[in-house]
């Protein structure tokens, strides 16, 4: 699952990726022919990132967690990750409030 949202102060990206253990060795990690190892480890990675609107290569904040779905604390970790991602999504957004303030030039007193 991938979610991307353009916000006034940056781009927010949320990812959910499933990792599975393969039969390939570490030095073969780029190989396209790696078969999934039967009974191998499986992890779910939950991540969110926020990039600066002025410089998209600049990362404002991030959160990344990988854990087996069979781990008893997985649901708690997922809840914490969702909470952190909400905070990351709103990072620096309070600086952008169009129309919040209005200024006018008045007569000198």
PDB file of N, CA and C in Angstrom:
ATOM      1  N   UNK A   1       0.840  -1.169   0.000  1.00  0.00           N
ATOM      2  CA  UNK A   1       0.000   0.000   0.000  1.00  0.00           C
ATOM      3  C   UNK A   1       0.891   1.239   0.000  1.00  0.00           C
ATOM      4  N   UNK A   2       0.553   2.186  -0.831  1.00  0.00           N
ATOM      5  CA  UNK A   2       1.270   3.445  -0.898  1.00  0.00           C
ATOM      6  C   UNK A   2       0.259   4.585  -0.885  1.00  0.00           C
ATOM      7  N   UNK A   3       0.583   5.599  -0.112  1.00  0.00           N
ATOM      8  CA  UNK A   3      -0.280   6.775  -0.031  1.00  0.00           C
ATOM      9  C   UNK A   3       0.622   7.996  -0.146  1.00  0.00           C
ATOM     10  N   UNK A   4       0.306   8.881  -1.072  1.00  0.00           N
ATOM     11  CA  UNK A   4       1.088  10.097  -1.263  1.00  0.00           C
ATOM     12  C   UNK A   4       0.131  11.281  -1.292  1.00  0.00           C
ATOM     13  N   UNK A   5       0.498  12.339  -0.571  1.00  0.00           N
ATOM     14  CA  UNK A   5      -0.378  13.506  -0.493  1.00  0.00           C
ATOM     15  C   UNK A   5       0.456  14.778  -0.534  1.00  0.00           C
ATOM     16  N   UNK A   6       0.076  15.683  -1.434  1.00  0.00           N
ATOM     17  CA  UNK A   6       0.722  16.993  -1.515  1.00  0.00           C
ATOM     18  C   UNK A   6       0.063  17.908  -0.494  1.00  0.00           C
ATOM     19  N   UNK A   7       0.855  18.457   0.408  1.00  0.00           N
ATOM     20  CA  UNK A   7       0.371  19.377   1.432  1.00  0.00           C
ATOM     21  C   UNK A   7       1.034  20.738   1.212  1.00  0.00           C
ATOM     22  N   UNK A   8       0.506  21.814   1.797  1.00  0.00           N
ATOM     23  CA  UNK A   8       1.100  23.143   1.590  1.00  0.00           C
ATOM     24  C   UNK A   8       2.583  23.222   1.957  1.00  0.00           C
ATOM     25  N   UNK A   9       3.014  22.499   2.988  1.00  0.00           N
ATOM     26  CA  UNK A   9       4.402  22.603   3.437  1.00  0.00           C
ATOM     27  C   UNK A   9       5.266  21.411   3.038  1.00  0.00           C
ATOM     28  N   UNK A  10       4.740  20.479   2.252  1.00  0.00           N
ATOM     29  CA  UNK A  10       5.566  19.362   1.818  1.00  0.00           C
ATOM     30  C   UNK A  10       4.761  18.193   1.296  1.00  0.00           C
ATOM     31  N   UNK A  11       5.481  17.171   0.858  1.00  0.00           N
ATOM     32  CA  UNK A  11       4.865  15.954   0.339  1.00  0.00           C
ATOM     33  C   UNK A  11       4.938  14.874   1.405  1.00  0.00           C
ATOM     34  N   UNK A  12       3.792  14.277   1.697  1.00  0.00           N
ATOM     35  CA  UNK A  12       3.697  13.221   2.700  1.00  0.00           C
ATOM     36  C   UNK A  12       3.534  11.888   1.970  1.00  0.00           C
ATOM     37  N   UNK A  13       4.362  10.902   2.340  1.00  0.00           N
ATOM     38  CA  UNK A  13       4.316   9.578   1.728  1.00  0.00           C
ATOM     39  C   UNK A  13       4.202   8.539   2.829  1.00  0.00           C
ATOM     40  N   UNK A  14       3.251   7.625   2.671  1.00  0.00           N
ATOM     41  CA  UNK A  14       3.070   6.536   3.633  1.00  0.00           C
ATOM     42  C   UNK A  14       3.155   5.220   2.866  1.00  0.00           C
ATOM     43  N   UNK A  15       3.958   4.284   3.389  1.00  0.00           N
ATOM     44  CA  UNK A  15       4.176   2.997   2.738  1.00  0.00           C
ATOM     45  C   UNK A  15       3.901   1.850   3.693  1.00  0.00           C
ATOM     46  N   UNK A  16       3.450   0.753   3.125  1.00  0.00           N
ATOM     47  CA  UNK A  16       3.331  -0.503   3.860  1.00  0.00           C
ATOM     48  C   UNK A  16       3.893  -1.575   2.932  1.00  0.00           C
ATOM     49  N   UNK A  17       4.990  -2.217   3.345  1.00  0.00           N
ATOM     50  CA  UNK A  17       5.705  -3.155   2.486  1.00  0.00           C
ATOM     51  C   UNK A  17       5.856  -4.487   3.206  1.00  0.00           C
ATOM     52  N   UNK A  18       5.623  -5.576   2.469  1.00  0.00           N
ATOM     53  CA  UNK A  18       5.833  -6.915   3.014  1.00  0.00           C
ATOM     54  C   UNK A  18       7.196  -7.418   2.558  1.00  0.00           C
ATOM     55  N   UNK A  19       8.024  -7.839   3.510  1.00  0.00           N
ATOM     56  CA  UNK A  19       9.335  -8.409   3.209  1.00  0.00           C
ATOM     57  C   UNK A  19       9.284  -9.909   3.462  1.00  0.00           C
ATOM     58  N   UNK A  20       9.896 -10.676   2.563  1.00  0.00           N
ATOM     59  CA  UNK A  20       9.961 -12.125   2.751  1.00  0.00           C
ATOM     60  C   UNK A  20      11.397 -12.580   2.547  1.00  0.00           C
ATOM     61  N   UNK A  21      11.801 -13.580   3.298  1.00  0.00           N
ATOM     62  CA  UNK A  21      13.146 -14.120   3.203  1.00  0.00           C
ATOM     63  C   UNK A  21      13.251 -14.983   1.948  1.00  0.00           C
ATOM     64  N   UNK A  22      14.376 -14.853   1.239  1.00  0.00           N
ATOM     65  CA  UNK A  22      14.597 -15.638   0.023  1.00  0.00           C
ATOM     66  C   UNK A  22      15.762 -16.599   0.228  1.00  0.00           C
ATOM     67  N   UNK A  23      16.002 -17.440  -0.770  1.00  0.00           N
ATOM     68  CA  UNK A  23      17.099 -18.407  -0.691  1.00  0.00           C
ATOM     69  C   UNK A  23      18.419 -17.799  -1.164  1.00  0.00           C
ATOM     70  N   UNK A  24      18.415 -16.591  -1.687  1.00  0.00           N
ATOM     71  CA  UNK A  24      19.634 -15.949  -2.184  1.00  0.00           C
ATOM     72  C   UNK A  24      20.543 -15.503  -1.036  1.00  0.00           C
ATOM     73  N   UNK A  25      21.828 -15.471  -1.317  1.00  0.00           N
ATOM     74  CA  UNK A  25      22.819 -14.998  -0.355  1.00  0.00           C
ATOM     75  C   UNK A  25      22.818 -13.468  -0.331  1.00  0.00           C
ATOM     76  N   UNK A  26      23.429 -12.885   0.701  1.00  0.00           N
ATOM     77  CA  UNK A  26      23.432 -11.423   0.848  1.00  0.00           C
ATOM     78  C   UNK A  26      24.037 -10.710  -0.361  1.00  0.00           C
ATOM     79  N   UNK A  27      25.114 -11.268  -0.937  1.00  0.00           N
ATOM     80  CA  UNK A  27      25.754 -10.593  -2.065  1.00  0.00           C
ATOM     81  C   UNK A  27      24.928 -10.699  -3.350  1.00  0.00           C
ATOM     82  N   UNK A  28      23.848 -11.476  -3.336  1.00  0.00           N
ATOM     83  CA  UNK A  28      22.971 -11.619  -4.503  1.00  0.00           C
ATOM     84  C   UNK A  28      21.675 -10.827  -4.330  1.00  0.00           C
ATOM     85  N   UNK A  29      21.633  -9.868  -3.439  1.00  0.00           N
ATOM     86  CA  UNK A  29      20.389  -9.205  -3.076  1.00  0.00           C
ATOM     87  C   UNK A  29      19.700  -8.508  -4.242  1.00  0.00           C
ATOM     88  N   UNK A  30      20.431  -8.196  -5.291  1.00  0.00           N
ATOM     89  CA  UNK A  30      19.810  -7.542  -6.447  1.00  0.00           C
ATOM     90  C   UNK A  30      19.280  -8.533  -7.481  1.00  0.00           C
ATOM     91  N   UNK A  31      19.521  -9.788  -7.282  1.00  0.00           N
ATOM     92  CA  UNK A  31      19.091 -10.798  -8.246  1.00  0.00           C
ATOM     93  C   UNK A  31      17.569 -10.845  -8.347  1.00  0.00           C
ATOM     94  N   UNK A  32      17.070 -10.948  -9.570  1.00  0.00           N
ATOM     95  CA  UNK A  32      15.631 -11.020  -9.809  1.00  0.00           C
ATOM     96  C   UNK A  32      15.110 -12.449  -9.698  1.00  0.00           C
ATOM     97  N   UNK A  33      16.005 -13.429  -9.599  1.00  0.00           N
ATOM     98  CA  UNK A  33      15.603 -14.835  -9.621  1.00  0.00           C
ATOM     99  C   UNK A  33      15.585 -15.488  -8.246  1.00  0.00           C
ATOM    100  N   UNK A  34      15.528 -14.726  -7.188  1.00  0.00           N
ATOM    101  CA  UNK A  34      15.527 -15.287  -5.833  1.00  0.00           C
ATOM    102  C   UNK A  34      14.157 -15.885  -5.519  1.00  0.00           C
ATOM    103  N   UNK A  35      14.172 -17.128  -5.094  1.00  0.00           N
ATOM    104  CA  UNK A  35      12.921 -17.780  -4.706  1.00  0.00           C
ATOM    105  C   UNK A  35      12.664 -17.541  -3.226  1.00  0.00           C
ATOM    106  N   UNK A  36      11.392 -17.510  -2.864  1.00  0.00           N
ATOM    107  CA  UNK A  36      11.007 -17.325  -1.468  1.00  0.00           C
ATOM    108  C   UNK A  36      11.353 -18.586  -0.692  1.00  0.00           C
ATOM    109  N   UNK A  37      11.990 -18.399   0.454  1.00  0.00           N
ATOM    110  CA  UNK A  37      12.388 -19.515   1.304  1.00  0.00           C
ATOM    111  C   UNK A  37      11.163 -20.046   2.045  1.00  0.00           C
ATOM    112  N   UNK A  38      10.906 -21.335   1.901  1.00  0.00           N
ATOM    113  CA  UNK A  38       9.771 -21.962   2.588  1.00  0.00           C
ATOM    114  C   UNK A  38       9.978 -21.857   4.094  1.00  0.00           C
ATOM    115  N   UNK A  39       8.999 -21.368   4.797  1.00  0.00           N
ATOM    116  CA  UNK A  39       9.111 -21.208   6.247  1.00  0.00           C
ATOM    117  C   UNK A  39      10.026 -20.071   6.654  1.00  0.00           C
ATOM    118  N   UNK A  40      10.431 -19.233   5.698  1.00  0.00           N
ATOM    119  CA  UNK A  40      11.333 -18.116   5.988  1.00  0.00           C
ATOM    120  C   UNK A  40      10.623 -16.995   6.735  1.00  0.00           C
ATOM    121  N   UNK A  41      11.430 -16.059   7.203  1.00  0.00           N
ATOM    122  CA  UNK A  41      10.870 -14.929   7.950  1.00  0.00           C
ATOM    123  C   UNK A  41      10.061 -14.022   7.032  1.00  0.00           C
ATOM    124  N   UNK A  42       9.012 -13.474   7.610  1.00  0.00           N
ATOM    125  CA  UNK A  42       8.169 -12.499   6.906  1.00  0.00           C
ATOM    126  C   UNK A  42       7.976 -11.313   7.836  1.00  0.00           C
ATOM    127  N   UNK A  43       8.159 -10.143   7.289  1.00  0.00           N
ATOM    128  CA  UNK A  43       7.973  -8.933   8.076  1.00  0.00           C
ATOM    129  C   UNK A  43       7.124  -7.936   7.305  1.00  0.00           C
ATOM    130  N   UNK A  44       6.439  -7.106   8.043  1.00  0.00           N
ATOM    131  CA  UNK A  44       5.685  -6.002   7.457  1.00  0.00           C
ATOM    132  C   UNK A  44       6.373  -4.723   7.914  1.00  0.00           C
ATOM    133  N   UNK A  45       6.702  -3.883   6.954  1.00  0.00           N
ATOM    134  CA  UNK A  45       7.333  -2.601   7.261  1.00  0.00           C
ATOM    135  C   UNK A  45       6.316  -1.492   7.066  1.00  0.00           C
ATOM    136  N   UNK A  46       6.205  -0.652   8.072  1.00  0.00           N
ATOM    137  CA  UNK A  46       5.305   0.498   8.054  1.00  0.00           C
ATOM    138  C   UNK A  46       6.185   1.742   8.080  1.00  0.00           C
ATOM    139  N   UNK A  47       5.988   2.625   7.126  1.00  0.00           N
ATOM    140  CA  UNK A  47       6.852   3.799   7.041  1.00  0.00           C
ATOM    141  C   UNK A  47       6.067   5.022   6.590  1.00  0.00           C
ATOM    142  N   UNK A  48       6.528   6.182   7.037  1.00  0.00           N
ATOM    143  CA  UNK A  48       5.977   7.437   6.531  1.00  0.00           C
ATOM    144  C   UNK A  48       7.107   8.466   6.486  1.00  0.00           C
ATOM    145  N   UNK A  49       7.020   9.334   5.501  1.00  0.00           N
ATOM    146  CA  UNK A  49       8.042  10.339   5.251  1.00  0.00           C
ATOM    147  C   UNK A  49       7.367  11.656   4.887  1.00  0.00           C
ATOM    148  N   UNK A  50       8.025  12.762   5.220  1.00  0.00           N
ATOM    149  CA  UNK A  50       7.541  14.070   4.779  1.00  0.00           C
ATOM    150  C   UNK A  50       8.726  14.837   4.209  1.00  0.00           C
ATOM    151  N   UNK A  51       8.552  15.288   2.962  1.00  0.00           N
ATOM    152  CA  UNK A  51       9.593  16.010   2.250  1.00  0.00           C
ATOM    153  C   UNK A  51       9.229  17.484   2.152  1.00  0.00           C
ATOM    154  N   UNK A  52      10.240  18.331   2.203  1.00  0.00           N
ATOM    155  CA  UNK A  52      10.062  19.783   2.169  1.00  0.00           C
ATOM    156  C   UNK A  52       9.519  20.226   0.810  1.00  0.00           C
ATOM    157  N   UNK A  53       8.533  21.117   0.828  1.00  0.00           N
ATOM    158  CA  UNK A  53       7.937  21.609  -0.418  1.00  0.00           C
ATOM    159  C   UNK A  53       8.932  22.463  -1.207  1.00  0.00           C
ATOM    160  N   UNK A  54       9.776  23.227  -0.527  1.00  0.00           N
ATOM    161  CA  UNK A  54      10.739  24.105  -1.193  1.00  0.00           C
ATOM    162  C   UNK A  54      11.897  23.316  -1.800  1.00  0.00           C
ATOM    163  N   UNK A  55      12.288  22.220  -1.158  1.00  0.00           N
ATOM    164  CA  UNK A  55      13.383  21.382  -1.638  1.00  0.00           C
ATOM    165  C   UNK A  55      12.976  19.923  -1.456  1.00  0.00           C
ATOM    166  N   UNK A  56      12.369  19.311  -2.467  1.00  0.00           N
ATOM    167  CA  UNK A  56      11.835  17.949  -2.328  1.00  0.00           C
ATOM    168  C   UNK A  56      12.861  16.886  -1.939  1.00  0.00           C
ATOM    169  N   UNK A  57      14.144  17.190  -2.058  1.00  0.00           N
ATOM    170  CA  UNK A  57      15.170  16.224  -1.639  1.00  0.00           C
ATOM    171  C   UNK A  57      15.422  16.277  -0.134  1.00  0.00           C
ATOM    172  N   UNK A  58      14.871  17.295   0.520  1.00  0.00           N
ATOM    173  CA  UNK A  58      15.066  17.465   1.958  1.00  0.00           C
ATOM    174  C   UNK A  58      13.961  16.751   2.717  1.00  0.00           C
ATOM    175  N   UNK A  59      14.371  15.843   3.584  1.00  0.00           N
ATOM    176  CA  UNK A  59      13.437  15.089   4.405  1.00  0.00           C
ATOM    177  C   UNK A  59      13.166  15.870   5.685  1.00  0.00           C
ATOM    178  N   UNK A  60      11.897  16.194   5.935  1.00  0.00           N
ATOM    179  CA  UNK A  60      11.530  16.915   7.155  1.00  0.00           C
ATOM    180  C   UNK A  60      11.508  15.960   8.336  1.00  0.00           C
ATOM    181  N   UNK A  61      10.890  14.797   8.140  1.00  0.00           N
ATOM    182  CA  UNK A  61      10.788  13.811   9.222  1.00  0.00           C
ATOM    183  C   UNK A  61      10.418  12.465   8.629  1.00  0.00           C
ATOM    184  N   UNK A  62      10.669  11.395   9.399  1.00  0.00           N
ATOM    185  CA  UNK A  62      10.334  10.053   8.937  1.00  0.00           C
ATOM    186  C   UNK A  62      10.103   9.137  10.127  1.00  0.00           C
ATOM    187  N   UNK A  63       9.426   8.026   9.857  1.00  0.00           N
ATOM    188  CA  UNK A  63       9.251   6.969  10.842  1.00  0.00           C
ATOM    189  C   UNK A  63       9.208   5.655  10.080  1.00  0.00           C
ATOM    190  N   UNK A  64       9.952   4.660  10.558  1.00  0.00           N
ATOM    191  CA  UNK A  64      10.037   3.375   9.878  1.00  0.00           C
ATOM    192  C   UNK A  64      10.113   2.265  10.907  1.00  0.00           C
ATOM    193  N   UNK A  65       9.233   1.285  10.759  1.00  0.00           N
ATOM    194  CA  UNK A  65       9.237   0.129  11.662  1.00  0.00           C
ATOM    195  C   UNK A  65       8.958  -1.129  10.863  1.00  0.00           C
ATOM    196  N   UNK A  66       9.742  -2.185  11.122  1.00  0.00           N
ATOM    197  CA  UNK A  66       9.527  -3.491  10.503  1.00  0.00           C
ATOM    198  C   UNK A  66       9.381  -4.520  11.618  1.00  0.00           C
ATOM    199  N   UNK A  67       8.355  -5.363  11.476  1.00  0.00           N
ATOM    200  CA  UNK A  67       8.061  -6.335  12.527  1.00  0.00           C
ATOM    201  C   UNK A  67       7.248  -7.477  11.935  1.00  0.00           C
ATOM    202  N   UNK A  68       7.430  -8.660  12.489  1.00  0.00           N
ATOM    203  CA  UNK A  68       6.629  -9.805  12.063  1.00  0.00           C
ATOM    204  C   UNK A  68       5.183  -9.597  12.488  1.00  0.00           C
ATOM    205  N   UNK A  69       4.248  -9.913  11.591  1.00  0.00           N
ATOM    206  CA  UNK A  69       2.827  -9.777  11.929  1.00  0.00           C
ATOM    207  C   UNK A  69       2.423 -10.767  13.014  1.00  0.00           C
ATOM    208  N   UNK A  70       3.227 -11.813  13.207  1.00  0.00           N
ATOM    209  CA  UNK A  70       2.922 -12.816  14.227  1.00  0.00           C
ATOM    210  C   UNK A  70       3.442 -12.418  15.604  1.00  0.00           C
ATOM    211  N   UNK A  71       4.211 -11.337  15.667  1.00  0.00           N
ATOM    212  CA  UNK A  71       4.711 -10.849  16.943  1.00  0.00           C
ATOM    213  C   UNK A  71       3.520 -10.356  17.771  1.00  0.00           C
ATOM    214  N   UNK A  72       3.454 -10.749  19.045  1.00  0.00           N
ATOM    215  CA  UNK A  72       2.307 -10.357  19.870  1.00  0.00           C
ATOM    216  C   UNK A  72       2.119  -8.847  20.027  1.00  0.00           C
ATOM    217  N   UNK A  73       3.159  -8.066  19.837  1.00  0.00           N
ATOM    218  CA  UNK A  73       3.037  -6.611  19.998  1.00  0.00           C
ATOM    219  C   UNK A  73       2.805  -5.893  18.662  1.00  0.00           C
ATOM    220  N   UNK A  74       2.577  -6.649  17.593  1.00  0.00           N
ATOM    221  CA  UNK A  74       2.446  -6.038  16.270  1.00  0.00           C
ATOM    222  C   UNK A  74       1.338  -4.986  16.218  1.00  0.00           C
ATOM    223  N   UNK A  75       0.169  -5.294  16.739  1.00  0.00           N
ATOM    224  CA  UNK A  75      -0.952  -4.348  16.676  1.00  0.00           C
ATOM    225  C   UNK A  75      -0.653  -3.068  17.463  1.00  0.00           C
ATOM    226  N   UNK A  76       0.031  -3.209  18.596  1.00  0.00           N
ATOM    227  CA  UNK A  76       0.411  -2.033  19.385  1.00  0.00           C
ATOM    228  C   UNK A  76       1.429  -1.189  18.613  1.00  0.00           C
ATOM    229  N   UNK A  77       2.400  -1.852  17.969  1.00  0.00           N
ATOM    230  CA  UNK A  77       3.401  -1.141  17.171  1.00  0.00           C
ATOM    231  C   UNK A  77       2.724  -0.428  15.999  1.00  0.00           C
ATOM    232  N   UNK A  78       1.755  -1.087  15.367  1.00  0.00           N
ATOM    233  CA  UNK A  78       1.012  -0.472  14.260  1.00  0.00           C
ATOM    234  C   UNK A  78       0.281   0.787  14.749  1.00  0.00           C
ATOM    235  N   UNK A  79      -0.339   0.709  15.915  1.00  0.00           N
ATOM    236  CA  UNK A  79      -1.054   1.857  16.475  1.00  0.00           C
ATOM    237  C   UNK A  79      -0.086   3.016  16.742  1.00  0.00           C
ATOM    238  N   UNK A  80       1.076   2.696  17.331  1.00  0.00           N
ATOM    239  CA  UNK A  80       2.083   3.730  17.603  1.00  0.00           C
ATOM    240  C   UNK A  80       2.599   4.350  16.304  1.00  0.00           C
ATOM    241  N   UNK A  81       2.801   3.502  15.292  1.00  0.00           N
ATOM    242  CA  UNK A  81       3.283   3.988  14.001  1.00  0.00           C
ATOM    243  C   UNK A  81       2.265   4.939  13.369  1.00  0.00           C
ATOM    244  N   UNK A  82       0.991   4.578  13.430  1.00  0.00           N
ATOM    245  CA  UNK A  82      -0.056   5.441  12.876  1.00  0.00           C
ATOM    246  C   UNK A  82      -0.096   6.788  13.593  1.00  0.00           C
ATOM    247  N   UNK A  83       0.124   6.763  14.899  1.00  0.00           N
ATOM    248  CA  UNK A  83       0.155   7.996  15.693  1.00  0.00           C
ATOM    249  C   UNK A  83       1.339   8.873  15.277  1.00  0.00           C
ATOM    250  N   UNK A  84       2.516   8.249  15.133  1.00  0.00           N
ATOM    251  CA  UNK A  84       3.706   8.989  14.707  1.00  0.00           C
ATOM    252  C   UNK A  84       3.515   9.562  13.307  1.00  0.00           C
ATOM    253  N   UNK A  85       2.887   8.780  12.437  1.00  0.00           N
ATOM    254  CA  UNK A  85       2.675   9.243  11.061  1.00  0.00           C
ATOM    255  C   UNK A  85       1.725  10.436  11.011  1.00  0.00           C
ATOM    256  N   UNK A  86       0.729  10.454  11.870  1.00  0.00           N
ATOM    257  CA  UNK A  86      -0.164  11.620  11.926  1.00  0.00           C
ATOM    258  C   UNK A  86       0.629  12.872  12.313  1.00  0.00           C
ATOM    259  N   UNK A  87       1.551  12.717  13.277  1.00  0.00           N
ATOM    260  CA  UNK A  87       2.382  13.850  13.706  1.00  0.00           C
ATOM    261  C   UNK A  87       3.324  14.290  12.582  1.00  0.00           C
ATOM    262  N   UNK A  88       3.888  13.330  11.870  1.00  0.00           N
ATOM    263  CA  UNK A  88       4.795  13.648  10.763  1.00  0.00           C
ATOM    264  C   UNK A  88       4.034  14.350   9.645  1.00  0.00           C
ATOM    265  N   UNK A  89       2.837  13.878   9.350  1.00  0.00           N
ATOM    266  CA  UNK A  89       2.013  14.485   8.297  1.00  0.00           C
ATOM    267  C   UNK A  89       1.710  15.952   8.607  1.00  0.00           C
ATOM    268  N   UNK A  90       1.461  16.264   9.865  1.00  0.00           N
ATOM    269  CA  UNK A  90       1.114  17.638  10.237  1.00  0.00           C
ATOM    270  C   UNK A  90       2.342  18.503  10.530  1.00  0.00           C
ATOM    271  N   UNK A  91       3.552  17.939  10.439  1.00  0.00           N
ATOM    272  CA  UNK A  91       4.778  18.693  10.725  1.00  0.00           C
ATOM    273  C   UNK A  91       4.881  19.924   9.836  1.00  0.00           C
ATOM    274  N   UNK A  92       5.119  21.052  10.442  1.00  0.00           N
ATOM    275  CA  UNK A  92       5.301  22.354   9.777  1.00  0.00           C
ATOM    276  C   UNK A  92       4.036  22.885   9.113  1.00  0.00           C
ATOM    277  N   UNK A  93       2.940  22.154   9.143  1.00  0.00           N
ATOM    278  CA  UNK A  93       1.715  22.626   8.491  1.00  0.00           C
ATOM    279  C   UNK A  93       1.111  23.810   9.241  1.00  0.00           C
ATOM    280  N   UNK A  94       1.404  23.943  10.529  1.00  0.00           N
ATOM    281  CA  UNK A  94       0.864  25.066  11.292  1.00  0.00           C
ATOM    282  C   UNK A  94       1.491  26.393  10.869  1.00  0.00           C
ATOM    283  N   UNK A  95       2.560  26.327  10.076  1.00  0.00           N
ATOM    284  CA  UNK A  95       3.200  27.552   9.597  1.00  0.00           C
ATOM    285  C   UNK A  95       2.465  28.136   8.398  1.00  0.00           C
ATOM    286  N   UNK A  96       1.564  27.390   7.808  1.00  0.00           N
ATOM    287  CA  UNK A  96       0.887  27.821   6.580  1.00  0.00           C
ATOM    288  C   UNK A  96      -0.596  28.003   6.848  1.00  0.00           C
ATOM    289  N   UNK A  97      -1.018  29.257   6.980  1.00  0.00           N
ATOM    290  CA  UNK A  97      -2.427  29.571   7.214  1.00  0.00           C
ATOM    291  C   UNK A  97      -2.824  30.739   6.321  1.00  0.00           C
ATOM    292  N   UNK A  98      -3.159  30.468   5.059  1.00  0.00           N
ATOM    293  CA  UNK A  98      -3.516  31.579   4.177  1.00  0.00           C
ATOM    294  C   UNK A  98      -4.775  32.276   4.675  1.00  0.00           C
ATOM    295  N   UNK A  99      -4.727  33.588   4.670  1.00  0.00           N
ATOM    296  CA  UNK A  99      -5.890  34.360   5.085  1.00  0.00           C
ATOM    297  C   UNK A  99      -6.078  34.484   6.584  1.00  0.00           C
ATOM    298  N   UNK A 100      -5.159  33.946   7.364  1.00  0.00           N
ATOM    299  CA  UNK A 100      -5.312  34.013   8.818  1.00  0.00           C
ATOM    300  C   UNK A 100      -5.083  35.434   9.327  1.00  0.00           C
ATOM    301  N   UNK A 101      -4.148  36.143   8.713  1.00  0.00           N
ATOM    302  CA  UNK A 101      -3.838  37.503   9.136  1.00  0.00           C
ATOM    303  C   UNK A 101      -4.048  38.463   7.969  1.00  0.00           C
ATOM    304  N   UNK A 102      -4.521  39.636   8.267  1.00  0.00           N
ATOM    305  CA  UNK A 102      -4.674  40.678   7.251  1.00  0.00           C
ATOM    306  C   UNK A 102      -4.034  41.949   7.792  1.00  0.00           C
ATOM    307  N   UNK A 103      -3.346  42.648   6.937  1.00  0.00           N
ATOM    308  CA  UNK A 103      -2.675  43.877   7.342  1.00  0.00           C
ATOM    309  C   UNK A 103      -3.141  45.004   6.430  1.00  0.00           C
ATOM    310  N   UNK A 104      -3.304  46.161   7.004  1.00  0.00           N
ATOM    311  CA  UNK A 104      -3.641  47.328   6.191  1.00  0.00           C
ATOM    312  C   UNK A 104      -2.815  48.506   6.680  1.00  0.00           C
ATOM    313  N   UNK A 105      -2.575  49.403   5.776  1.00  0.00           N
ATOM    314  CA  UNK A 105      -1.808  50.595   6.133  1.00  0.00           C
ATOM    315  C   UNK A 105      -2.805  51.655   6.577  1.00  0.00           C
ATOM    316  N   UNK A 106      -2.627  52.142   7.772  1.00  0.00           N
ATOM    317  CA  UNK A 106      -3.537  53.158   8.302  1.00  0.00           C
ATOM    318  C   UNK A 106      -2.882  54.523   8.332  1.00  0.00           C
ATOM    319  N   UNK A 107      -3.651  55.490   8.721  1.00  0.00           N
ATOM    320  CA  UNK A 107      -3.131  56.845   8.855  1.00  0.00           C
ATOM    321  C   UNK A 107      -2.251  56.928  10.090  1.00  0.00           C
ATOM    322  N   UNK A 108      -1.207  57.719  10.046  1.00  0.00           N
ATOM    323  CA  UNK A 108      -0.360  57.862  11.227  1.00  0.00           C
ATOM    324  C   UNK A 108      -1.149  58.495  12.368  1.00  0.00           C
ATOM    325  N   UNK A 109      -0.868  58.068  13.561  1.00  0.00           N
ATOM    326  CA  UNK A 109      -1.616  58.598  14.709  1.00  0.00           C
ATOM    327  C   UNK A 109      -0.967  59.811  15.309  1.00  0.00           C
TER     328      UNK A 109
END
